[in-house]
C-alpha atoms as a PDB file:
ATOM      1  CA  MET A   1     -26.127 150.904  31.589  1.00  0.00           C
ATOM      2  CA  ALA A   2     -22.735 150.280  33.253  1.00  0.00           C
ATOM      3  CA  THR A   3     -23.890 151.745  36.441  1.00  0.00           C
ATOM      4  CA  GLU A   4     -26.926 149.922  36.451  1.00  0.00           C
ATOM      5  CA  ALA A   5     -25.052 146.503  36.458  1.00  0.00           C
ATOM      6  CA  HIS A   6     -22.894 147.559  39.309  1.00  0.00           C
ATOM      7  CA  GLN A   7     -25.897 148.537  41.285  1.00  0.00           C
ATOM      8  CA  VAL A   8     -27.910 145.126  40.752  1.00  0.00           C
ATOM      9  CA  ALA A   9     -24.827 143.270  41.492  1.00  0.00           C
ATOM     10  CA  GLY A  10     -24.186 145.193  44.469  1.00  0.00           C
ATOM     11  CA  GLU A  11     -27.918 144.623  45.878  1.00  0.00           C
ATOM     12  CA  MET A  12     -27.449 140.581  45.191  1.00  0.00           C
ATOM     13  CA  ALA A  13     -24.354 140.079  47.177  1.00  0.00           C
ATOM     14  CA  PRO A  14     -24.412 140.617  51.032  1.00  0.00           C
ATOM     15  CA  GLU A  15     -21.268 142.293  51.973  1.00  0.00           C
ATOM     16  CA  ALA A  16     -18.531 139.719  50.368  1.00  0.00           C
ATOM     17  CA  ALA A  17     -15.258 140.301  51.657  1.00  0.00           C
ATOM     18  CA  GLY A  18     -13.383 137.534  49.779  1.00  0.00           C
ATOM     19  CA  MET A  19     -13.019 133.806  49.531  1.00  0.00           C
ATOM     20  CA  PRO A  20     -14.798 132.106  52.262  1.00  0.00           C
ATOM     21  CA  GLN A  21     -12.077 129.696  53.222  1.00  0.00           C
ATOM     22  CA  LEU A  22     -10.364 132.932  54.108  1.00  0.00           C
ATOM     23  CA  ASP A  23     -13.157 134.039  56.550  1.00  0.00           C
ATOM     24  CA  PHE A  24     -11.968 133.793  60.076  1.00  0.00           C
ATOM     25  CA  SER A  25     -15.294 133.242  61.221  1.00  0.00           C
ATOM     26  CA  THR A  26     -15.652 129.811  59.654  1.00  0.00           C
ATOM     27  CA  PHE A  27     -12.276 128.550  60.634  1.00  0.00           C
ATOM     28  CA  PRO A  28     -13.594 126.109  63.655  1.00  0.00           C
ATOM     29  CA  ASN A  29     -16.014 124.667  61.174  1.00  0.00           C
ATOM     30  CA  GLN A  30     -13.399 124.347  58.461  1.00  0.00           C
ATOM     31  CA  ILE A  31     -10.793 122.550  61.227  1.00  0.00           C
ATOM     32  CA  PHE A  32     -13.402 120.361  62.386  1.00  0.00           C
ATOM     33  CA  TRP A  33     -14.189 118.993  58.695  1.00  0.00           C
ATOM     34  CA  LEU A  34     -10.773 118.848  58.280  1.00  0.00           C
ATOM     35  CA  VAL A  35      -9.844 116.718  60.982  1.00  0.00           C
ATOM     36  CA  ILE A  36     -12.495 114.435  60.553  1.00  0.00           C
ATOM     37  CA  THR A  37     -11.653 113.928  56.725  1.00  0.00           C
ATOM     38  CA  LEU A  38      -8.110 113.006  58.095  1.00  0.00           C
ATOM     39  CA  ILE A  39      -9.478 110.663  60.344  1.00  0.00           C
ATOM     40  CA  VAL A  40     -11.767 108.840  57.705  1.00  0.00           C
ATOM     41  CA  ILE A  41      -8.536 108.893  55.491  1.00  0.00           C
ATOM     42  CA  TYR A  42      -6.367 107.600  58.069  1.00  0.00           C
ATOM     43  CA  LEU A  43      -8.873 104.738  59.155  1.00  0.00           C
ATOM     44  CA  VAL A  44      -9.576 103.827  55.298  1.00  0.00           C
ATOM     45  CA  LEU A  45      -5.652 103.542  54.182  1.00  0.00           C
ATOM     46  CA  SER A  46      -4.582 101.778  57.765  1.00  0.00           C
ATOM     47  CA  ARG A  47      -7.618  99.316  57.458  1.00  0.00           C
ATOM     48  CA  THR A  48      -7.652  98.500  53.640  1.00  0.00           C
ATOM     49  CA  ALA A  49      -4.834  99.962  51.437  1.00  0.00           C
ATOM     50  CA  LEU A  50      -1.841  99.687  53.513  1.00  0.00           C
ATOM     51  CA  PRO A  51      -2.370  96.091  54.486  1.00  0.00           C
ATOM     52  CA  ARG A  52      -2.956  95.401  50.824  1.00  0.00           C
ATOM     53  CA  ILE A  53       0.480  97.313  49.922  1.00  0.00           C
ATOM     54  CA  ALA A  54       2.065  95.552  52.852  1.00  0.00           C
ATOM     55  CA  SER A  55       1.064  91.793  51.552  1.00  0.00           C
ATOM     56  CA  VAL A  56       2.308  92.808  48.094  1.00  0.00           C
ATOM     57  CA  LEU A  57       5.410  94.087  49.074  1.00  0.00           C
ATOM     58  CA  SER A  58       6.283  91.055  51.392  1.00  0.00           C
ATOM     59  CA  GLU A  59       4.844  88.567  48.317  1.00  0.00           C
ATOM     60  CA  ARG A  60       7.593  90.669  46.011  1.00  0.00           C
ATOM     61  CA  GLN A  61      10.312  90.131  48.784  1.00  0.00           C
ATOM     62  CA  GLY A  62       9.551  86.545  49.175  1.00  0.00           C
ATOM     63  CA  THR A  63       9.597  86.266  45.331  1.00  0.00           C
ATOM     64  CA  ILE A  64      12.490  87.802  45.326  1.00  0.00           C
ATOM     65  CA  THR A  65      14.502  85.999  47.971  1.00  0.00           C
ATOM     66  CA  ASN A  66      13.188  82.316  46.277  1.00  0.00           C
ATOM     67  CA  ASP A  67      14.436  83.838  42.822  1.00  0.00           C
ATOM     68  CA  ILE A  68      17.812  84.577  44.390  1.00  0.00           C
ATOM     69  CA  THR A  69      17.874  81.291  46.166  1.00  0.00           C
ATOM     70  CA  ALA A  70      17.138  79.340  42.874  1.00  0.00           C
ATOM     71  CA  ALA A  71      19.530  81.396  41.051  1.00  0.00           C
ATOM     72  CA  GLU A  72      22.127  80.415  43.676  1.00  0.00           C
ATOM     73  CA  GLU A  73      21.486  76.760  43.294  1.00  0.00           C
ATOM     74  CA  LEU A  74      21.843  76.762  39.494  1.00  0.00           C
ATOM     75  CA  LYS A  75      25.109  78.430  39.872  1.00  0.00           C
ATOM     76  CA  GLN A  76      26.308  75.838  42.428  1.00  0.00           C
ATOM     77  CA  LYS A  77      25.069  73.241  39.840  1.00  0.00           C
ATOM     78  CA  ALA A  78      26.484  75.146  36.952  1.00  0.00           C
ATOM     79  CA  GLN A  79      29.585  75.017  38.839  1.00  0.00           C
ATOM     80  CA  ASP A  80      29.825  71.294  39.852  1.00  0.00           C
ATOM     81  CA  ALA A  81      28.700  70.801  36.131  1.00  0.00           C
ATOM     82  CA  GLU A  82      31.819  72.654  35.038  1.00  0.00           C
ATOM     83  CA  ASP A  83      34.030  70.670  37.564  1.00  0.00           C
ATOM     84  CA  ALA A  84      32.748  67.345  36.473  1.00  0.00           C
ATOM     85  CA  TYR A  85      33.348  68.236  32.628  1.00  0.00           C
ATOM     86  CA  ASN A  86      36.960  69.578  33.351  1.00  0.00           C
ATOM     87  CA  LYS A  87      37.372  66.306  35.583  1.00  0.00           C
ATOM     88  CA  ALA A  88      36.253  64.081  32.501  1.00  0.00           C
ATOM     89  CA  LEU A  89      38.159  66.276  30.097  1.00  0.00           C
ATOM     90  CA  ALA A  90      41.473  65.886  32.352  1.00  0.00           C
ATOM     91  CA  GLU A  91      40.567  61.794  32.738  1.00  0.00           C
ATOM     92  CA  ALA A  92      39.803  61.695  28.711  1.00  0.00           C
ATOM     93  CA  ARG A  93      43.074  63.301  28.062  1.00  0.00           C
ATOM     94  CA  ALA A  94      45.331  60.975  30.341  1.00  0.00           C
ATOM     95  CA  GLU A  95      43.575  58.241  28.995  1.00  0.00           C
ATOM     96  CA  ALA A  96      44.430  59.705  25.150  1.00  0.00           C
ATOM     97  CA  GLY A  97      47.992  59.714  26.711  1.00  0.00           C
ATOM     98  CA  ARG A  98      47.947  56.184  27.937  1.00  0.00           C
ATOM     99  CA  ILE A  99      46.714  54.803  24.450  1.00  0.00           C
ATOM    100  CA  ALA A 100      48.943  56.988  22.754  1.00  0.00           C
ATOM    101  CA  ALA A 101      52.090  55.603  24.774  1.00  0.00           C
ATOM    102  CA  GLU A 102      50.514  51.926  24.565  1.00  0.00           C
ATOM    103  CA  THR A 103      50.287  52.098  20.719  1.00  0.00           C
ATOM    104  CA  LYS A 104      53.658  53.831  20.395  1.00  0.00           C
ATOM    105  CA  ALA A 105      55.371  51.000  22.586  1.00  0.00           C
ATOM    106  CA  GLU A 106      53.384  48.131  20.219  1.00  0.00           C
ATOM    107  CA  ILE A 107      54.480  49.906  17.058  1.00  0.00           C
ATOM    108  CA  GLN A 108      58.047  50.112  18.778  1.00  0.00           C
ATOM    109  CA  ALA A 109      57.904  46.365  19.366  1.00  0.00           C
ATOM    110  CA  GLU A 110      56.430  45.457  16.027  1.00  0.00           C
ATOM    111  CA  LEU A 111      59.274  47.735  14.356  1.00  0.00           C
ATOM    112  CA  ASP A 112      61.957  46.279  16.674  1.00  0.00           C
ATOM    113  CA  VAL A 113      60.699  42.687  15.352  1.00  0.00           C
ATOM    114  CA  ALA A 114      60.762  44.008  11.831  1.00  0.00           C
ATOM    115  CA  ILE A 115      64.175  45.142  11.982  1.00  0.00           C
ATOM    116  CA  SER A 116      65.580  42.151  13.625  1.00  0.00           C
ATOM    117  CA  LYS A 117      63.796  40.011  10.934  1.00  0.00           C
ATOM    118  CA  ALA A 118      65.363  42.118   8.210  1.00  0.00           C
ATOM    119  CA  ASP A 119      68.536  42.118  10.126  1.00  0.00           C
ATOM    120  CA  ALA A 120      68.405  38.504   9.914  1.00  0.00           C
ATOM    121  CA  GLU A 121      67.429  37.981   6.204  1.00  0.00           C
ATOM    122  CA  ILE A 122      70.206  40.405   5.563  1.00  0.00           C
ATOM    123  CA  ALA A 123      72.865  38.246   7.434  1.00  0.00           C
ATOM    124  CA  ALA A 124      71.346  35.059   5.481  1.00  0.00           C
ATOM    125  CA  LYS A 125      71.686  36.665   2.320  1.00  0.00           C
ATOM    126  CA  THR A 126      75.174  38.179   3.209  1.00  0.00           C
ATOM    127  CA  ALA A 127      76.235  34.457   4.235  1.00  0.00           C
ATOM    128  CA  GLU A 128      74.979  33.162   1.004  1.00  0.00           C
ATOM    129  CA  ALA A 129      76.645  35.813  -0.727  1.00  0.00           C
ATOM    130  CA  GLU A 130      79.943  35.049   1.073  1.00  0.00           C
ATOM    131  CA  LYS A 131      79.474  31.564  -0.089  1.00  0.00           C
ATOM    132  CA  ALA A 132      78.789  32.247  -3.773  1.00  0.00           C
ATOM    133  CA  ILE A 133      81.988  34.503  -3.468  1.00  0.00           C
ATOM    134  CA  ALA A 134      84.119  31.718  -1.685  1.00  0.00           C
ATOM    135  CA  VAL A 135      83.090  29.242  -4.771  1.00  0.00           C
ATOM    136  CA  ILE A 136      83.699  31.605  -7.188  1.00  0.00           C
ATOM    137  CA  ARG A 137      87.131  32.398  -5.425  1.00  0.00           C
ATOM    138  CA  ALA A 138      87.820  28.928  -5.455  1.00  0.00           C
ATOM    139  CA  GLY A 139      87.010  28.374  -8.982  1.00  0.00           C
ATOM    140  CA  SER A 140      88.530  31.437 -10.485  1.00  0.00           C
ATOM    141  CA  VAL A 141      91.913  29.983  -8.511  1.00  0.00           C
ATOM    142  CA  ASP A 142      91.412  26.654 -10.157  1.00  0.00           C
ATOM    143  CA  SER A 143      90.780  28.700 -13.181  1.00  0.00           C
ATOM    144  CA  ILE A 144      93.937  30.879 -12.707  1.00  0.00           C
ATOM    145  CA  LYS A 145      96.168  27.754 -11.813  1.00  0.00           C
ATOM    146  CA  ALA A 146      94.749  26.206 -15.240  1.00  0.00           C
ATOM    147  CA  VAL A 147      95.466  29.220 -17.207  1.00  0.00           C
ATOM    148  CA  ALA A 148      98.766  29.863 -15.309  1.00  0.00           C
ATOM    149  CA  LYS A 149      99.864  26.179 -16.033  1.00  0.00           C
ATOM    150  CA  ASP A 150      98.796  26.229 -19.958  1.00  0.00           C
ATOM    151  CA  THR A 151     100.282  29.698 -20.325  1.00  0.00           C
ATOM    152  CA  ALA A 152     103.891  28.590 -18.450  1.00  0.00           C
ATOM    153  CA  LYS A 153     103.856  25.460 -20.637  1.00  0.00           C
ATOM    154  CA  GLU A 154     103.549  27.097 -23.727  1.00  0.00           C
ATOM    155  CA  ILE A 155     105.793  29.718 -22.757  1.00  0.00           C
ATOM    156  CA  VAL A 156     108.504  27.479 -21.720  1.00  0.00           C
ATOM    157  CA  SER A 157     107.910  25.318 -25.010  1.00  0.00           C
ATOM    158  CA  VAL A 158     108.219  28.420 -27.049  1.00  0.00           C
ATOM    159  CA  MET A 159     111.447  28.871 -25.415  1.00  0.00           C
ATOM    160  CA  GLY A 160     112.705  25.812 -26.247  1.00  0.00           C
ATOM    161  CA  ILE A 161     112.732  23.932 -22.820  1.00  0.00           C
ATOM    162  CA  LYS A 162     111.267  20.813 -22.105  1.00  0.00           C
ATOM    163  CA  ALA A 163     109.411  20.586 -18.803  1.00  0.00           C
ATOM    164  CA  ASP A 164     106.937  18.120 -17.818  1.00  0.00           C
ATOM    165  CA  ALA A 165     103.208  18.877 -16.342  1.00  0.00           C
ATOM    166  CA  LYS A 166     104.734  17.760 -12.673  1.00  0.00           C
ATOM    167  CA  THR A 167     107.508  20.418 -12.728  1.00  0.00           C
ATOM    168  CA  ILE A 168     105.155  23.261 -14.338  1.00  0.00           C
ATOM    169  CA  THR A 169     102.547  22.518 -11.844  1.00  0.00           C
ATOM    170  CA  ALA A 170     104.763  22.650  -8.752  1.00  0.00           C
ATOM    171  CA  ALA A 171     106.188  25.942  -9.808  1.00  0.00           C
ATOM    172  CA  VAL A 172     102.897  27.714 -10.443  1.00  0.00           C
ATOM    173  CA  THR A 173     101.527  26.269  -6.902  1.00  0.00           C
ATOM    174  CA  ALA A 174     104.715  27.891  -5.541  1.00  0.00           C
ATOM    175  CA  ARG A 175     104.331  31.458  -6.936  1.00  0.00           C
ATOM    176  CA  MET A 176     100.573  31.302  -5.898  1.00  0.00           C
ATOM    177  CA  LYS A 177     101.600  30.771  -2.271  1.00  0.00           C
ATOM    178  CA  GLY A 178     103.573  33.853  -2.215  1.00  0.00           C
END
């Protein structure tokens, strides 16, 4: 049976030497159709596909360029905003320093006024106290003179000596002077 299958297959196939693409007798025909196909592909690509691709690439390049330009503008605006912020911050700090200095000067002036007022009050109270002390001294000197006169009078009378008030007063006054 196997021999019969080979005989039938051999009768059907005309002398096939292999693949038809490798048959040298069909090369000119294959090269012709290959050239036609490549020309058609070239024409289709160059007329439709490549212009579309080129337009997409140029559009993308334009978008990228626009985005880069916008980013640079935004970066510049951000830099300007930062510079304005730093300037405002410096001005605010300077203003705060000025206000602090003014406030310190006002407080110092008020403190100086309060100190001078307190010094004046202390001086007035000191003068009043000195006057009171002078009055007390004067009163005490008079009291001491009176006590000294009475004591001297009693001592002299106890000793049995007679002295008048004028003599005792003169003696006490002389002794108190030094």
